[in-house]
Amino acid sequence: MRHTLILLRHAKSDWPDGVADHDRPLNKRGRGDAPHTGTWLVAEGRVPDRAAVSTAVRTRQTYALAAEAFAAEPEVVFLDELYGASPGEMLEVIRATPESVTTLLVVSHNPGTQHLALVLADDTNPELAGKVQAGYPTNTATVLEFDGEWAGLDPEGASIVAVESPRG
């Protein structure tokens, strides 16, 4: 079965004094950019069936603003293990995705999100892989596709088909 994985780094966050990292909200630019991600996903025909979102405030806000563009609300799971996750930890979350899910959106943090995109990428599209390698600003989404089961997704097992950093 063909699956689509969308890896999204949260939109630009604020750094308020006295606020723990986990509780940092989006700043004005982030609140303006995040809805454009949802619009872009809809325009590309890549609306997720399921979203796995870090429990951090900025990732939850990014997802909520992006999801406003979706006609139907995907199943959403908020996972502590995506907060500050390594590529390997993120991959374990992805591998646990039910096979009924065709398109999975993972909203998390860097450097794990960028590194996972590079770990999963095969050599099908070196130009897009190079774009991911060159930098991964806030609100960047990488879309990967692969044939097989979620549980069997391995390094170099997916093709990058799009990279976008929607801005408001």
C-alpha atoms as a PDB file:
ATOM      1  CA  MET A   1       0.000   0.000   0.000  1.00  0.00           C
ATOM      2  CA  ARG A   2       1.207   3.532  -0.811  1.00  0.00           C
ATOM      3  CA  HIS A   3       1.610   5.770   2.256  1.00  0.00           C
ATOM      4  CA  THR A   4       2.318   9.455   2.646  1.00  0.00           C
ATOM      5  CA  LEU A   5       4.251  10.873   5.593  1.00  0.00           C
ATOM      6  CA  ILE A   6       4.316  14.608   6.242  1.00  0.00           C
ATOM      7  CA  LEU A   7       6.963  15.818   8.677  1.00  0.00           C
ATOM      8  CA  LEU A   8       6.230  19.335   9.930  1.00  0.00           C
ATOM      9  CA  ARG A   9       8.414  21.487  12.131  1.00  0.00           C
ATOM     10  CA  HIS A  10       6.293  23.790  14.303  1.00  0.00           C
ATOM     11  CA  ALA A  11       5.853  27.421  13.277  1.00  0.00           C
ATOM     12  CA  LYS A  12       7.904  30.250  14.805  1.00  0.00           C
ATOM     13  CA  SER A  13       7.611  30.352  18.583  1.00  0.00           C
ATOM     14  CA  ASP A  14       8.001  33.023  21.214  1.00  0.00           C
ATOM     15  CA  TRP A  15      10.506  33.038  24.077  1.00  0.00           C
ATOM     16  CA  PRO A  16       8.593  34.610  26.997  1.00  0.00           C
ATOM     17  CA  ASP A  17      10.558  35.091  30.222  1.00  0.00           C
ATOM     18  CA  GLY A  18       9.852  32.508  32.872  1.00  0.00           C
ATOM     19  CA  VAL A  19       8.022  30.120  30.522  1.00  0.00           C
ATOM     20  CA  ALA A  20       9.285  26.548  30.308  1.00  0.00           C
ATOM     21  CA  ASP A  21      10.358  25.391  26.838  1.00  0.00           C
ATOM     22  CA  HIS A  22       7.461  22.933  26.617  1.00  0.00           C
ATOM     23  CA  ASP A  23       4.979  25.758  27.262  1.00  0.00           C
ATOM     24  CA  ARG A  24       6.315  28.286  24.739  1.00  0.00           C
ATOM     25  CA  PRO A  25       3.554  29.566  22.414  1.00  0.00           C
ATOM     26  CA  LEU A  26       3.764  30.655  18.801  1.00  0.00           C
ATOM     27  CA  ASN A  27       4.742  34.246  18.191  1.00  0.00           C
ATOM     28  CA  LYS A  28       2.863  36.604  15.844  1.00  0.00           C
ATOM     29  CA  ARG A  29       4.726  35.359  12.763  1.00  0.00           C
ATOM     30  CA  GLY A  30       4.109  31.724  13.713  1.00  0.00           C
ATOM     31  CA  ARG A  31       0.397  32.360  14.188  1.00  0.00           C
ATOM     32  CA  GLY A  32       0.353  33.951  10.734  1.00  0.00           C
ATOM     33  CA  ASP A  33       2.374  31.212   9.016  1.00  0.00           C
ATOM     34  CA  ALA A  34       0.773  28.059  10.448  1.00  0.00           C
ATOM     35  CA  PRO A  35      -2.600  28.422   8.666  1.00  0.00           C
ATOM     36  CA  HIS A  36      -0.764  28.544   5.335  1.00  0.00           C
ATOM     37  CA  THR A  37       0.511  25.022   5.953  1.00  0.00           C
ATOM     38  CA  GLY A  38      -3.044  23.705   6.046  1.00  0.00           C
ATOM     39  CA  THR A  39      -3.944  25.643   2.918  1.00  0.00           C
ATOM     40  CA  TRP A  40      -0.870  24.262   1.148  1.00  0.00           C
ATOM     41  CA  LEU A  41      -1.652  20.684   2.198  1.00  0.00           C
ATOM     42  CA  VAL A  42      -5.233  21.026   0.921  1.00  0.00           C
ATOM     43  CA  ALA A  43      -4.026  22.525  -2.382  1.00  0.00           C
ATOM     44  CA  GLU A  44      -1.539  19.654  -2.788  1.00  0.00           C
ATOM     45  CA  GLY A  45      -4.193  17.022  -1.994  1.00  0.00           C
ATOM     46  CA  ARG A  46      -2.262  15.887   1.063  1.00  0.00           C
ATOM     47  CA  VAL A  47      -4.711  16.248   3.941  1.00  0.00           C
ATOM     48  CA  PRO A  48      -3.800  13.725   6.658  1.00  0.00           C
ATOM     49  CA  ASP A  49      -6.011  10.922   7.956  1.00  0.00           C
ATOM     50  CA  ARG A  50      -4.140  11.119  11.235  1.00  0.00           C
ATOM     51  CA  ALA A  51      -1.917  13.635  12.990  1.00  0.00           C
ATOM     52  CA  ALA A  52       0.671  12.774  15.617  1.00  0.00           C
ATOM     53  CA  VAL A  53       1.544  15.976  17.460  1.00  0.00           C
ATOM     54  CA  SER A  54       4.074  16.747  20.183  1.00  0.00           C
ATOM     55  CA  THR A  55       2.428  17.892  23.405  1.00  0.00           C
ATOM     56  CA  ALA A  56       4.388  21.177  23.398  1.00  0.00           C
ATOM     57  CA  VAL A  57       2.188  24.271  23.181  1.00  0.00           C
ATOM     58  CA  ARG A  58       3.827  25.510  19.962  1.00  0.00           C
ATOM     59  CA  THR A  59       3.285  22.212  18.111  1.00  0.00           C
ATOM     60  CA  ARG A  60      -0.334  21.959  19.253  1.00  0.00           C
ATOM     61  CA  GLN A  61      -0.965  25.540  18.154  1.00  0.00           C
ATOM     62  CA  THR A  62       0.733  24.935  14.787  1.00  0.00           C
ATOM     63  CA  TYR A  63      -1.437  21.896  14.169  1.00  0.00           C
ATOM     64  CA  ALA A  64      -4.665  23.612  15.263  1.00  0.00           C
ATOM     65  CA  LEU A  65      -4.073  26.592  12.968  1.00  0.00           C
ATOM     66  CA  ALA A  66      -3.102  24.394  10.002  1.00  0.00           C
ATOM     67  CA  ALA A  67      -6.070  22.054  10.536  1.00  0.00           C
ATOM     68  CA  GLU A  68      -8.538  24.930  10.177  1.00  0.00           C
ATOM     69  CA  ALA A  69      -8.112  24.483   6.399  1.00  0.00           C
ATOM     70  CA  PHE A  70      -9.127  20.809   6.448  1.00  0.00           C
ATOM     71  CA  ALA A  71     -12.713  19.954   5.471  1.00  0.00           C
ATOM     72  CA  ALA A  72     -12.774  17.108   8.013  1.00  0.00           C
ATOM     73  CA  GLU A  73     -10.804  16.755  11.239  1.00  0.00           C
ATOM     74  CA  PRO A  74      -8.256  13.926  11.085  1.00  0.00           C
ATOM     75  CA  GLU A  75      -7.731  11.658  14.065  1.00  0.00           C
ATOM     76  CA  VAL A  76      -5.260  13.477  16.327  1.00  0.00           C
ATOM     77  CA  VAL A  77      -2.939  11.967  18.921  1.00  0.00           C
ATOM     78  CA  PHE A  78      -0.842  14.185  21.205  1.00  0.00           C
ATOM     79  CA  LEU A  79       2.331  12.382  22.216  1.00  0.00           C
ATOM     80  CA  ASP A  80       4.867  13.330  24.892  1.00  0.00           C
ATOM     81  CA  GLU A  81       7.440  11.160  23.118  1.00  0.00           C
ATOM     82  CA  LEU A  82       7.513  13.562  20.140  1.00  0.00           C
ATOM     83  CA  TYR A  83       8.717  16.447  22.333  1.00  0.00           C
ATOM     84  CA  GLY A  84      12.453  16.715  21.689  1.00  0.00           C
ATOM     85  CA  ALA A  85      12.419  13.330  19.954  1.00  0.00           C
ATOM     86  CA  SER A  86      15.402  11.925  18.111  1.00  0.00           C
ATOM     87  CA  PRO A  87      14.891  10.635  14.571  1.00  0.00           C
ATOM     88  CA  GLY A  88      14.793   7.083  15.949  1.00  0.00           C
ATOM     89  CA  GLU A  89      12.156   7.940  18.539  1.00  0.00           C
ATOM     90  CA  MET A  90      10.048   9.673  15.893  1.00  0.00           C
ATOM     91  CA  LEU A  91      10.389   6.683  13.594  1.00  0.00           C
ATOM     92  CA  GLU A  92       9.066   4.388  16.333  1.00  0.00           C
ATOM     93  CA  VAL A  93       5.946   6.569  16.623  1.00  0.00           C
ATOM     94  CA  ILE A  94       5.496   6.414  12.842  1.00  0.00           C
ATOM     95  CA  ARG A  95       5.966   2.641  12.746  1.00  0.00           C
ATOM     96  CA  ALA A  96       3.139   2.265  15.290  1.00  0.00           C
ATOM     97  CA  THR A  97       0.659   3.942  12.919  1.00  0.00           C
ATOM     98  CA  PRO A  98      -2.326   1.749  12.031  1.00  0.00           C
ATOM     99  CA  GLU A  99      -2.359   0.466   8.451  1.00  0.00           C
ATOM    100  CA  SER A 100      -5.770   2.057   7.900  1.00  0.00           C
ATOM    101  CA  VAL A 101      -3.987   5.449   7.871  1.00  0.00           C
ATOM    102  CA  THR A 102      -2.958   6.481   4.364  1.00  0.00           C
ATOM    103  CA  THR A 103      -1.497   9.917   5.167  1.00  0.00           C
ATOM    104  CA  LEU A 104       0.185  10.708   8.494  1.00  0.00           C
ATOM    105  CA  LEU A 105       1.172  14.204   9.621  1.00  0.00           C
ATOM    106  CA  VAL A 106       3.820  14.405  12.358  1.00  0.00           C
ATOM    107  CA  VAL A 107       4.196  17.832  14.000  1.00  0.00           C
ATOM    108  CA  SER A 108       7.361  18.027  16.039  1.00  0.00           C
ATOM    109  CA  HIS A 109      10.639  19.844  16.625  1.00  0.00           C
ATOM    110  CA  ASN A 110      14.084  20.289  15.188  1.00  0.00           C
ATOM    111  CA  PRO A 111      16.667  18.916  14.859  1.00  0.00           C
ATOM    112  CA  GLY A 112      14.768  15.598  14.952  1.00  0.00           C
ATOM    113  CA  THR A 113      12.282  16.471  12.199  1.00  0.00           C
ATOM    114  CA  GLN A 114      14.920  17.558   9.689  1.00  0.00           C
ATOM    115  CA  HIS A 115      17.204  14.643  10.510  1.00  0.00           C
ATOM    116  CA  LEU A 116      14.389  12.104  10.193  1.00  0.00           C
ATOM    117  CA  ALA A 117      13.472  13.454   6.748  1.00  0.00           C
ATOM    118  CA  LEU A 118      17.079  12.923   5.657  1.00  0.00           C
ATOM    119  CA  VAL A 119      17.316   9.478   7.275  1.00  0.00           C
ATOM    120  CA  LEU A 120      14.161   8.281   5.517  1.00  0.00           C
ATOM    121  CA  ALA A 121      14.975   9.783   2.115  1.00  0.00           C
ATOM    122  CA  ASP A 122      16.129   7.467  -0.642  1.00  0.00           C
ATOM    123  CA  ASP A 123      18.135   8.780  -3.601  1.00  0.00           C
ATOM    124  CA  THR A 124      15.094   9.410  -5.831  1.00  0.00           C
ATOM    125  CA  ASN A 125      15.136  13.195  -5.501  1.00  0.00           C
ATOM    126  CA  PRO A 126      18.563  14.579  -4.528  1.00  0.00           C
ATOM    127  CA  GLU A 127      17.445  18.157  -5.228  1.00  0.00           C
ATOM    128  CA  LEU A 128      14.711  18.016  -2.563  1.00  0.00           C
ATOM    129  CA  ALA A 129      16.969  16.136  -0.141  1.00  0.00           C
ATOM    130  CA  GLY A 130      19.539  18.887  -0.666  1.00  0.00           C
ATOM    131  CA  LYS A 131      16.888  21.476   0.153  1.00  0.00           C
ATOM    132  CA  VAL A 132      16.162  19.686   3.455  1.00  0.00           C
ATOM    133  CA  GLN A 133      19.886  19.367   4.173  1.00  0.00           C
ATOM    134  CA  ALA A 134      20.516  23.078   3.503  1.00  0.00           C
ATOM    135  CA  GLY A 135      18.166  24.233   6.251  1.00  0.00           C
ATOM    136  CA  TYR A 136      14.876  23.515   7.950  1.00  0.00           C
ATOM    137  CA  PRO A 137      13.247  26.757   9.089  1.00  0.00           C
ATOM    138  CA  THR A 138      10.177  26.834  11.271  1.00  0.00           C
ATOM    139  CA  ASN A 139       6.934  25.782   9.588  1.00  0.00           C
ATOM    140  CA  THR A 140       8.744  23.589   7.056  1.00  0.00           C
ATOM    141  CA  ALA A 141       6.972  20.475   5.815  1.00  0.00           C
ATOM    142  CA  THR A 142       8.590  17.533   4.054  1.00  0.00           C
ATOM    143  CA  VAL A 143       6.294  15.122   2.231  1.00  0.00           C
ATOM    144  CA  LEU A 144       7.583  11.579   1.756  1.00  0.00           C
ATOM    145  CA  GLU A 145       5.938   8.617   0.040  1.00  0.00           C
ATOM    146  CA  PHE A 146       6.658   4.914   0.294  1.00  0.00           C
ATOM    147  CA  ASP A 147       5.172   1.556  -0.562  1.00  0.00           C
ATOM    148  CA  GLY A 148       4.758  -0.919   2.269  1.00  0.00           C
ATOM    149  CA  GLU A 149       3.562  -0.969   5.845  1.00  0.00           C
ATOM    150  CA  TRP A 150       4.150   1.745   8.416  1.00  0.00           C
ATOM    151  CA  ALA A 151       5.769  -0.839  10.681  1.00  0.00           C
ATOM    152  CA  GLY A 152       8.305  -1.652   7.965  1.00  0.00           C
ATOM    153  CA  LEU A 153       9.450   1.899   7.204  1.00  0.00           C
ATOM    154  CA  ASP A 154      13.242   1.890   7.306  1.00  0.00           C
ATOM    155  CA  PRO A 155      16.025   4.402   6.661  1.00  0.00           C
ATOM    156  CA  GLU A 156      16.235   5.298   2.972  1.00  0.00           C
ATOM    157  CA  GLY A 157      12.805   3.713   2.554  1.00  0.00           C
ATOM    158  CA  ALA A 158      10.834   6.730   1.314  1.00  0.00           C
ATOM    159  CA  SER A 159      11.002   9.306  -1.460  1.00  0.00           C
ATOM    160  CA  ILE A 160      10.826  13.030  -0.764  1.00  0.00           C
ATOM    161  CA  VAL A 161       8.153  14.404  -3.090  1.00  0.00           C
ATOM    162  CA  ALA A 162       7.762  17.948  -1.733  1.00  0.00           C
ATOM    163  CA  VAL A 163       9.380  20.406   0.667  1.00  0.00           C
ATOM    164  CA  GLU A 164       7.639  23.654   1.556  1.00  0.00           C
ATOM    165  CA  SER A 165       7.890  26.430   4.154  1.00  0.00           C
ATOM    166  CA  PRO A 166       4.528  28.214   3.864  1.00  0.00           C
ATOM    167  CA  ARG A 167       4.654  31.835   4.971  1.00  0.00           C
ATOM    168  CA  GLY A 168       1.894  34.304   5.706  1.00  0.00           C
END
